[in-house]
């Protein structure tokens, strides 16, 4: 059996540890495969996440869908606002 490990992720995307574009995109794109999608078929493109360029994609807010291109600092500021709004709901 191949190695498998599972992460439980918070949807808020609000953390000082979120310091790089690749960190955000690893959680906000199909880079990490949802447990409900297992087992992946042999031809599923998510078997090669680096080849799909997930980590290099534009930065898109997980909540509202606003595209920040490659402007990580602006996304982080926006995520702060989104976190506060999400928390009040």
PDB file of N, CA and C in Angstrom:
ATOM      1  N   UNK A   1       0.843  -1.171   0.000  1.00  0.00           N
ATOM      2  CA  UNK A   1       0.000   0.000   0.000  1.00  0.00           C
ATOM      3  C   UNK A   1       0.890   1.237   0.000  1.00  0.00           C
ATOM      4  N   UNK A   2       0.521   2.227  -0.811  1.00  0.00           N
ATOM      5  CA  UNK A   2       1.268   3.473  -0.857  1.00  0.00           C
ATOM      6  C   UNK A   2       0.965   4.327   0.362  1.00  0.00           C
ATOM      7  N   UNK A   3       1.894   5.203   0.651  1.00  0.00           N
ATOM      8  CA  UNK A   3       1.764   6.111   1.791  1.00  0.00           C
ATOM      9  C   UNK A   3       0.625   7.106   1.543  1.00  0.00           C
ATOM     10  N   UNK A   4      -0.154   7.362   2.571  1.00  0.00           N
ATOM     11  CA  UNK A   4      -1.223   8.347   2.512  1.00  0.00           C
ATOM     12  C   UNK A   4      -1.264   9.059   3.852  1.00  0.00           C
ATOM     13  N   UNK A   5      -1.351  10.381   3.805  1.00  0.00           N
ATOM     14  CA  UNK A   5      -1.594  11.110   5.040  1.00  0.00           C
ATOM     15  C   UNK A   5      -2.666  12.149   4.774  1.00  0.00           C
ATOM     16  N   UNK A   6      -3.326  12.578   5.833  1.00  0.00           N
ATOM     17  CA  UNK A   6      -4.493  13.448   5.712  1.00  0.00           C
ATOM     18  C   UNK A   6      -4.248  14.731   6.506  1.00  0.00           C
ATOM     19  N   UNK A   7      -4.668  15.855   5.940  1.00  0.00           N
ATOM     20  CA  UNK A   7      -4.628  17.141   6.630  1.00  0.00           C
ATOM     21  C   UNK A   7      -6.064  17.607   6.839  1.00  0.00           C
ATOM     22  N   UNK A   8      -6.336  18.189   7.985  1.00  0.00           N
ATOM     23  CA  UNK A   8      -7.620  18.833   8.237  1.00  0.00           C
ATOM     24  C   UNK A   8      -7.356  20.327   8.156  1.00  0.00           C
ATOM     25  N   UNK A   9      -8.040  20.990   7.227  1.00  0.00           N
ATOM     26  CA  UNK A   9      -7.745  22.387   6.944  1.00  0.00           C
ATOM     27  C   UNK A   9      -8.896  23.300   7.324  1.00  0.00           C
ATOM     28  N   UNK A  10      -8.548  24.425   7.874  1.00  0.00           N
ATOM     29  CA  UNK A  10      -9.529  25.462   8.147  1.00  0.00           C
ATOM     30  C   UNK A  10      -9.754  26.257   6.869  1.00  0.00           C
ATOM     31  N   UNK A  11     -10.960  26.663   6.608  1.00  0.00           N
ATOM     32  CA  UNK A  11     -11.263  27.427   5.393  1.00  0.00           C
ATOM     33  C   UNK A  11     -10.930  28.905   5.515  1.00  0.00           C
ATOM     34  N   UNK A  12     -10.593  29.402   6.701  1.00  0.00           N
ATOM     35  CA  UNK A  12     -10.452  30.846   6.863  1.00  0.00           C
ATOM     36  C   UNK A  12      -9.246  31.448   6.141  1.00  0.00           C
ATOM     37  N   UNK A  13      -8.209  30.681   5.907  1.00  0.00           N
ATOM     38  CA  UNK A  13      -7.006  31.158   5.212  1.00  0.00           C
ATOM     39  C   UNK A  13      -6.409  32.388   5.883  1.00  0.00           C
ATOM     40  N   UNK A  14      -6.554  32.476   7.187  1.00  0.00           N
ATOM     41  CA  UNK A  14      -6.082  33.634   7.945  1.00  0.00           C
ATOM     42  C   UNK A  14      -5.039  33.161   8.940  1.00  0.00           C
ATOM     43  N   UNK A  15      -3.772  33.379   8.591  1.00  0.00           N
ATOM     44  CA  UNK A  15      -2.704  32.911   9.463  1.00  0.00           C
ATOM     45  C   UNK A  15      -1.408  33.636   9.133  1.00  0.00           C
ATOM     46  N   UNK A  16      -0.617  33.988  10.137  1.00  0.00           N
ATOM     47  CA  UNK A  16       0.695  34.567   9.852  1.00  0.00           C
ATOM     48  C   UNK A  16       1.630  33.551   9.183  1.00  0.00           C
ATOM     49  N   UNK A  17       1.327  32.282   9.297  1.00  0.00           N
ATOM     50  CA  UNK A  17       2.147  31.253   8.663  1.00  0.00           C
ATOM     51  C   UNK A  17       1.930  31.187   7.148  1.00  0.00           C
ATOM     52  N   UNK A  18       0.871  31.814   6.674  1.00  0.00           N
ATOM     53  CA  UNK A  18       0.589  31.855   5.240  1.00  0.00           C
ATOM     54  C   UNK A  18       1.424  32.988   4.649  1.00  0.00           C
ATOM     55  N   UNK A  19       2.658  32.649   4.219  1.00  0.00           N
ATOM     56  CA  UNK A  19       3.612  33.682   3.837  1.00  0.00           C
ATOM     57  C   UNK A  19       3.989  33.696   2.365  1.00  0.00           C
ATOM     58  N   UNK A  20       3.536  32.710   1.620  1.00  0.00           N
ATOM     59  CA  UNK A  20       3.948  32.628   0.214  1.00  0.00           C
ATOM     60  C   UNK A  20       2.772  32.240  -0.667  1.00  0.00           C
ATOM     61  N   UNK A  21       2.854  32.672  -1.895  1.00  0.00           N
ATOM     62  CA  UNK A  21       1.834  32.358  -2.901  1.00  0.00           C
ATOM     63  C   UNK A  21       1.578  30.855  -2.970  1.00  0.00           C
ATOM     64  N   UNK A  22       2.652  30.067  -2.966  1.00  0.00           N
ATOM     65  CA  UNK A  22       2.488  28.617  -3.096  1.00  0.00           C
ATOM     66  C   UNK A  22       1.733  28.035  -1.903  1.00  0.00           C
ATOM     67  N   UNK A  23       1.896  28.634  -0.718  1.00  0.00           N
ATOM     68  CA  UNK A  23       1.147  28.145   0.447  1.00  0.00           C
ATOM     69  C   UNK A  23      -0.348  28.344   0.221  1.00  0.00           C
ATOM     70  N   UNK A  24      -0.724  29.555  -0.176  1.00  0.00           N
ATOM     71  CA  UNK A  24      -2.150  29.832  -0.403  1.00  0.00           C
ATOM     72  C   UNK A  24      -2.705  28.940  -1.505  1.00  0.00           C
ATOM     73  N   UNK A  25      -2.006  28.869  -2.624  1.00  0.00           N
ATOM     74  CA  UNK A  25      -2.524  28.087  -3.749  1.00  0.00           C
ATOM     75  C   UNK A  25      -2.543  26.588  -3.485  1.00  0.00           C
ATOM     76  N   UNK A  26      -1.721  26.115  -2.576  1.00  0.00           N
ATOM     77  CA  UNK A  26      -1.792  24.683  -2.263  1.00  0.00           C
ATOM     78  C   UNK A  26      -3.108  24.351  -1.569  1.00  0.00           C
ATOM     79  N   UNK A  27      -3.689  25.330  -0.856  1.00  0.00           N
ATOM     80  CA  UNK A  27      -4.956  25.112  -0.164  1.00  0.00           C
ATOM     81  C   UNK A  27      -6.169  25.577  -0.960  1.00  0.00           C
ATOM     82  N   UNK A  28      -5.981  26.515  -1.893  1.00  0.00           N
ATOM     83  CA  UNK A  28      -7.112  27.135  -2.594  1.00  0.00           C
ATOM     84  C   UNK A  28      -7.311  26.605  -4.018  1.00  0.00           C
ATOM     85  N   UNK A  29      -6.538  25.618  -4.407  1.00  0.00           N
ATOM     86  CA  UNK A  29      -6.678  24.992  -5.731  1.00  0.00           C
ATOM     87  C   UNK A  29      -6.801  23.480  -5.524  1.00  0.00           C
ATOM     88  N   UNK A  30      -6.993  22.718  -6.584  1.00  0.00           N
ATOM     89  CA  UNK A  30      -7.058  21.252  -6.432  1.00  0.00           C
ATOM     90  C   UNK A  30      -5.705  20.587  -6.159  1.00  0.00           C
ATOM     91  N   UNK A  31      -4.681  21.360  -5.788  1.00  0.00           N
ATOM     92  CA  UNK A  31      -3.362  20.791  -5.480  1.00  0.00           C
ATOM     93  C   UNK A  31      -3.488  19.679  -4.435  1.00  0.00           C
ATOM     94  N   UNK A  32      -4.245  19.955  -3.361  1.00  0.00           N
ATOM     95  CA  UNK A  32      -4.539  18.921  -2.370  1.00  0.00           C
ATOM     96  C   UNK A  32      -5.864  18.275  -2.755  1.00  0.00           C
ATOM     97  N   UNK A  33      -5.894  16.989  -2.755  1.00  0.00           N
ATOM     98  CA  UNK A  33      -7.069  16.248  -3.219  1.00  0.00           C
ATOM     99  C   UNK A  33      -8.027  16.005  -2.063  1.00  0.00           C
ATOM    100  N   UNK A  34      -9.288  16.309  -2.286  1.00  0.00           N
ATOM    101  CA  UNK A  34     -10.325  16.094  -1.282  1.00  0.00           C
ATOM    102  C   UNK A  34     -10.466  14.601  -1.000  1.00  0.00           C
ATOM    103  N   UNK A  35     -10.641  14.272   0.245  1.00  0.00           N
ATOM    104  CA  UNK A  35     -10.775  12.869   0.648  1.00  0.00           C
ATOM    105  C   UNK A  35     -11.920  12.169  -0.083  1.00  0.00           C
ATOM    106  N   UNK A  36     -12.976  12.907  -0.372  1.00  0.00           N
ATOM    107  CA  UNK A  36     -14.130  12.324  -1.069  1.00  0.00           C
ATOM    108  C   UNK A  36     -13.781  11.888  -2.496  1.00  0.00           C
ATOM    109  N   UNK A  37     -12.673  12.378  -3.045  1.00  0.00           N
ATOM    110  CA  UNK A  37     -12.290  12.046  -4.415  1.00  0.00           C
ATOM    111  C   UNK A  37     -11.417  10.791  -4.509  1.00  0.00           C
ATOM    112  N   UNK A  38     -11.095  10.191  -3.385  1.00  0.00           N
ATOM    113  CA  UNK A  38     -10.269   8.976  -3.412  1.00  0.00           C
ATOM    114  C   UNK A  38     -11.117   7.753  -3.624  1.00  0.00           C
ATOM    115  N   UNK A  39     -10.599   6.737  -4.273  1.00  0.00           N
ATOM    116  CA  UNK A  39      -9.292   6.700  -4.906  1.00  0.00           C
ATOM    117  C   UNK A  39      -9.322   7.415  -6.259  1.00  0.00           C
ATOM    118  N   UNK A  40      -8.215   8.057  -6.608  1.00  0.00           N
ATOM    119  CA  UNK A  40      -8.123   8.751  -7.889  1.00  0.00           C
ATOM    120  C   UNK A  40      -7.943   7.739  -9.018  1.00  0.00           C
ATOM    121  N   UNK A  41      -8.648   7.949 -10.114  1.00  0.00           N
ATOM    122  CA  UNK A  41      -8.417   7.090 -11.283  1.00  0.00           C
ATOM    123  C   UNK A  41      -6.989   7.265 -11.799  1.00  0.00           C
ATOM    124  N   UNK A  42      -6.483   6.280 -12.486  1.00  0.00           N
ATOM    125  CA  UNK A  42      -5.116   6.324 -13.006  1.00  0.00           C
ATOM    126  C   UNK A  42      -4.873   7.515 -13.920  1.00  0.00           C
ATOM    127  N   UNK A  43      -5.905   7.968 -14.647  1.00  0.00           N
ATOM    128  CA  UNK A  43      -5.714   9.055 -15.604  1.00  0.00           C
ATOM    129  C   UNK A  43      -6.079  10.434 -15.028  1.00  0.00           C
ATOM    130  N   UNK A  44      -6.328  10.526 -13.742  1.00  0.00           N
ATOM    131  CA  UNK A  44      -6.701  11.809 -13.135  1.00  0.00           C
ATOM    132  C   UNK A  44      -5.492  12.748 -13.136  1.00  0.00           C
ATOM    133  N   UNK A  45      -5.637  13.968 -13.652  1.00  0.00           N
ATOM    134  CA  UNK A  45      -4.500  14.892 -13.718  1.00  0.00           C
ATOM    135  C   UNK A  45      -3.985  15.324 -12.345  1.00  0.00           C
ATOM    136  N   UNK A  46      -4.781  15.148 -11.295  1.00  0.00           N
ATOM    137  CA  UNK A  46      -4.321  15.525  -9.955  1.00  0.00           C
ATOM    138  C   UNK A  46      -3.241  14.578  -9.430  1.00  0.00           C
ATOM    139  N   UNK A  47      -2.988  13.493 -10.140  1.00  0.00           N
ATOM    140  CA  UNK A  47      -1.888  12.604  -9.750  1.00  0.00           C
ATOM    141  C   UNK A  47      -0.533  13.292  -9.961  1.00  0.00           C
ATOM    142  N   UNK A  48      -0.509  14.338 -10.783  1.00  0.00           N
ATOM    143  CA  UNK A  48       0.714  15.107 -11.033  1.00  0.00           C
ATOM    144  C   UNK A  48       0.424  16.579 -10.752  1.00  0.00           C
ATOM    145  N   UNK A  49       0.260  16.963  -9.473  1.00  0.00           N
ATOM    146  CA  UNK A  49      -0.154  18.331  -9.155  1.00  0.00           C
ATOM    147  C   UNK A  49       0.832  19.395  -9.629  1.00  0.00           C
ATOM    148  N   UNK A  50       2.114  19.096  -9.648  1.00  0.00           N
ATOM    149  CA  UNK A  50       3.096  20.082 -10.106  1.00  0.00           C
ATOM    150  C   UNK A  50       2.945  20.322 -11.607  1.00  0.00           C
ATOM    151  N   UNK A  51       2.621  19.300 -12.338  1.00  0.00           N
ATOM    152  CA  UNK A  51       2.432  19.436 -13.780  1.00  0.00           C
ATOM    153  C   UNK A  51       1.224  20.268 -14.143  1.00  0.00           C
ATOM    154  N   UNK A  52       0.250  20.359 -13.237  1.00  0.00           N
ATOM    155  CA  UNK A  52      -0.956  21.142 -13.508  1.00  0.00           C
ATOM    156  C   UNK A  52      -0.749  22.631 -13.231  1.00  0.00           C
ATOM    157  N   UNK A  53       0.351  22.999 -12.608  1.00  0.00           N
ATOM    158  CA  UNK A  53       0.650  24.400 -12.352  1.00  0.00           C
ATOM    159  C   UNK A  53      -0.226  25.046 -11.286  1.00  0.00           C
ATOM    160  N   UNK A  54      -0.804  24.256 -10.400  1.00  0.00           N
ATOM    161  CA  UNK A  54      -1.693  24.804  -9.369  1.00  0.00           C
ATOM    162  C   UNK A  54      -1.007  25.888  -8.533  1.00  0.00           C
ATOM    163  N   UNK A  55       0.247  25.671  -8.179  1.00  0.00           N
ATOM    164  CA  UNK A  55       0.931  26.596  -7.284  1.00  0.00           C
ATOM    165  C   UNK A  55       1.289  27.917  -7.961  1.00  0.00           C
ATOM    166  N   UNK A  56       1.266  27.944  -9.291  1.00  0.00           N
ATOM    167  CA  UNK A  56       1.593  29.161 -10.047  1.00  0.00           C
ATOM    168  C   UNK A  56       0.348  29.899 -10.537  1.00  0.00           C
ATOM    169  N   UNK A  57      -0.818  29.405 -10.227  1.00  0.00           N
ATOM    170  CA  UNK A  57      -2.046  30.058 -10.681  1.00  0.00           C
ATOM    171  C   UNK A  57      -2.231  31.420 -10.028  1.00  0.00           C
ATOM    172  N   UNK A  58      -3.110  32.234 -10.637  1.00  0.00           N
ATOM    173  CA  UNK A  58      -3.464  33.513 -10.042  1.00  0.00           C
ATOM    174  C   UNK A  58      -4.003  33.286  -8.636  1.00  0.00           C
ATOM    175  N   UNK A  59      -3.823  34.280  -7.794  1.00  0.00           N
ATOM    176  CA  UNK A  59      -4.330  34.244  -6.428  1.00  0.00           C
ATOM    177  C   UNK A  59      -5.787  34.694  -6.441  1.00  0.00           C
ATOM    178  N   UNK A  60      -6.685  33.776  -6.117  1.00  0.00           N
ATOM    179  CA  UNK A  60      -8.119  34.041  -6.153  1.00  0.00           C
ATOM    180  C   UNK A  60      -8.685  33.805  -4.752  1.00  0.00           C
ATOM    181  N   UNK A  61      -9.435  34.781  -4.258  1.00  0.00           N
ATOM    182  CA  UNK A  61     -10.017  34.659  -2.917  1.00  0.00           C
ATOM    183  C   UNK A  61     -10.919  33.435  -2.844  1.00  0.00           C
ATOM    184  N   UNK A  62     -10.733  32.639  -1.812  1.00  0.00           N
ATOM    185  CA  UNK A  62     -11.510  31.408  -1.635  1.00  0.00           C
ATOM    186  C   UNK A  62     -12.972  31.710  -1.362  1.00  0.00           C
ATOM    187  N   UNK A  63     -13.258  32.912  -0.850  1.00  0.00           N
ATOM    188  CA  UNK A  63     -14.614  33.217  -0.413  1.00  0.00           C
ATOM    189  C   UNK A  63     -15.424  33.983  -1.449  1.00  0.00           C
ATOM    190  N   UNK A  64     -14.848  35.034  -2.030  1.00  0.00           N
ATOM    191  CA  UNK A  64     -15.617  35.881  -2.944  1.00  0.00           C
ATOM    192  C   UNK A  64     -15.236  35.696  -4.404  1.00  0.00           C
ATOM    193  N   UNK A  65     -14.103  35.028  -4.657  1.00  0.00           N
ATOM    194  CA  UNK A  65     -13.692  34.770  -6.030  1.00  0.00           C
ATOM    195  C   UNK A  65     -12.913  35.891  -6.692  1.00  0.00           C
ATOM    196  N   UNK A  66     -12.622  36.956  -5.962  1.00  0.00           N
ATOM    197  CA  UNK A  66     -11.869  38.076  -6.534  1.00  0.00           C
ATOM    198  C   UNK A  66     -10.461  37.627  -6.891  1.00  0.00           C
ATOM    199  N   UNK A  67     -10.014  38.013  -8.089  1.00  0.00           N
ATOM    200  CA  UNK A  67      -8.705  37.609  -8.597  1.00  0.00           C
ATOM    201  C   UNK A  67      -7.679  38.698  -8.282  1.00  0.00           C
ATOM    202  N   UNK A  68      -6.589  38.318  -7.626  1.00  0.00           N
ATOM    203  CA  UNK A  68      -5.520  39.243  -7.263  1.00  0.00           C
ATOM    204  C   UNK A  68      -4.268  39.032  -8.110  1.00  0.00           C
ATOM    205  N   UNK A  69      -4.380  38.236  -9.169  1.00  0.00           N
ATOM    206  CA  UNK A  69      -3.215  37.990 -10.033  1.00  0.00           C
ATOM    207  C   UNK A  69      -2.081  37.406  -9.218  1.00  0.00           C
ATOM    208  N   UNK A  70      -0.942  38.112  -9.215  1.00  0.00           N
ATOM    209  CA  UNK A  70       0.201  37.639  -8.425  1.00  0.00           C
ATOM    210  C   UNK A  70       0.491  38.573  -7.241  1.00  0.00           C
ATOM    211  N   UNK A  71      -0.473  39.375  -6.837  1.00  0.00           N
ATOM    212  CA  UNK A  71      -0.297  40.360  -5.768  1.00  0.00           C
ATOM    213  C   UNK A  71      -0.652  39.750  -4.406  1.00  0.00           C
ATOM    214  N   UNK A  72       0.306  39.041  -3.849  1.00  0.00           N
ATOM    215  CA  UNK A  72       0.084  38.309  -2.612  1.00  0.00           C
ATOM    216  C   UNK A  72      -0.210  39.245  -1.437  1.00  0.00           C
ATOM    217  N   UNK A  73       0.498  40.359  -1.359  1.00  0.00           N
ATOM    218  CA  UNK A  73       0.265  41.292  -0.249  1.00  0.00           C
ATOM    219  C   UNK A  73      -1.174  41.799  -0.262  1.00  0.00           C
ATOM    220  N   UNK A  74      -1.686  42.149  -1.421  1.00  0.00           N
ATOM    221  CA  UNK A  74      -3.075  42.613  -1.518  1.00  0.00           C
ATOM    222  C   UNK A  74      -4.053  41.503  -1.148  1.00  0.00           C
ATOM    223  N   UNK A  75      -3.775  40.278  -1.579  1.00  0.00           N
ATOM    224  CA  UNK A  75      -4.629  39.153  -1.198  1.00  0.00           C
ATOM    225  C   UNK A  75      -4.652  38.993   0.314  1.00  0.00           C
ATOM    226  N   UNK A  76      -3.487  39.059   0.974  1.00  0.00           N
ATOM    227  CA  UNK A  76      -3.424  38.899   2.435  1.00  0.00           C
ATOM    228  C   UNK A  76      -4.263  39.969   3.137  1.00  0.00           C
ATOM    229  N   UNK A  77      -4.195  41.203   2.666  1.00  0.00           N
ATOM    230  CA  UNK A  77      -5.004  42.278   3.246  1.00  0.00           C
ATOM    231  C   UNK A  77      -6.493  41.970   3.062  1.00  0.00           C
ATOM    232  N   UNK A  78      -6.840  41.503   1.885  1.00  0.00           N
ATOM    233  CA  UNK A  78      -8.225  41.157   1.596  1.00  0.00           C
ATOM    234  C   UNK A  78      -8.693  39.983   2.473  1.00  0.00           C
ATOM    235  N   UNK A  79      -7.832  39.001   2.663  1.00  0.00           N
ATOM    236  CA  UNK A  79      -8.189  37.843   3.484  1.00  0.00           C
ATOM    237  C   UNK A  79      -8.452  38.243   4.926  1.00  0.00           C
ATOM    238  N   UNK A  80      -7.758  39.260   5.407  1.00  0.00           N
ATOM    239  CA  UNK A  80      -8.017  39.782   6.752  1.00  0.00           C
ATOM    240  C   UNK A  80      -9.458  40.285   6.846  1.00  0.00           C
ATOM    241  N   UNK A  81      -9.879  41.060   5.833  1.00  0.00           N
ATOM    242  CA  UNK A  81     -11.254  41.568   5.798  1.00  0.00           C
ATOM    243  C   UNK A  81     -12.262  40.428   5.675  1.00  0.00           C
ATOM    244  N   UNK A  82     -11.978  39.478   4.820  1.00  0.00           N
ATOM    245  CA  UNK A  82     -12.870  38.333   4.629  1.00  0.00           C
ATOM    246  C   UNK A  82     -13.005  37.522   5.918  1.00  0.00           C
ATOM    247  N   UNK A  83     -11.888  37.358   6.623  1.00  0.00           N
ATOM    248  CA  UNK A  83     -11.918  36.599   7.874  1.00  0.00           C
ATOM    249  C   UNK A  83     -12.850  37.262   8.882  1.00  0.00           C
ATOM    250  N   UNK A  84     -12.723  38.582   9.016  1.00  0.00           N
ATOM    251  CA  UNK A  84     -13.581  39.306   9.960  1.00  0.00           C
ATOM    252  C   UNK A  84     -15.047  39.188   9.568  1.00  0.00           C
ATOM    253  N   UNK A  85     -15.360  39.314   8.289  1.00  0.00           N
ATOM    254  CA  UNK A  85     -16.752  39.192   7.820  1.00  0.00           C
ATOM    255  C   UNK A  85     -17.267  37.766   8.040  1.00  0.00           C
ATOM    256  N   UNK A  86     -16.438  36.778   7.746  1.00  0.00           N
ATOM    257  CA  UNK A  86     -16.821  35.368   7.902  1.00  0.00           C
ATOM    258  C   UNK A  86     -17.081  35.042   9.370  1.00  0.00           C
ATOM    259  N   UNK A  87     -16.238  35.595  10.243  1.00  0.00           N
ATOM    260  CA  UNK A  87     -16.368  35.344  11.675  1.00  0.00           C
ATOM    261  C   UNK A  87     -17.660  35.930  12.243  1.00  0.00           C
ATOM    262  N   UNK A  88     -18.114  37.058  11.673  1.00  0.00           N
ATOM    263  CA  UNK A  88     -19.342  37.695  12.151  1.00  0.00           C
ATOM    264  C   UNK A  88     -20.604  36.957  11.703  1.00  0.00           C
ATOM    265  N   UNK A  89     -20.513  36.123  10.701  1.00  0.00           N
ATOM    266  CA  UNK A  89     -21.694  35.420  10.183  1.00  0.00           C
ATOM    267  C   UNK A  89     -22.236  34.393  11.147  1.00  0.00           C
TER     268      UNK A  89
END
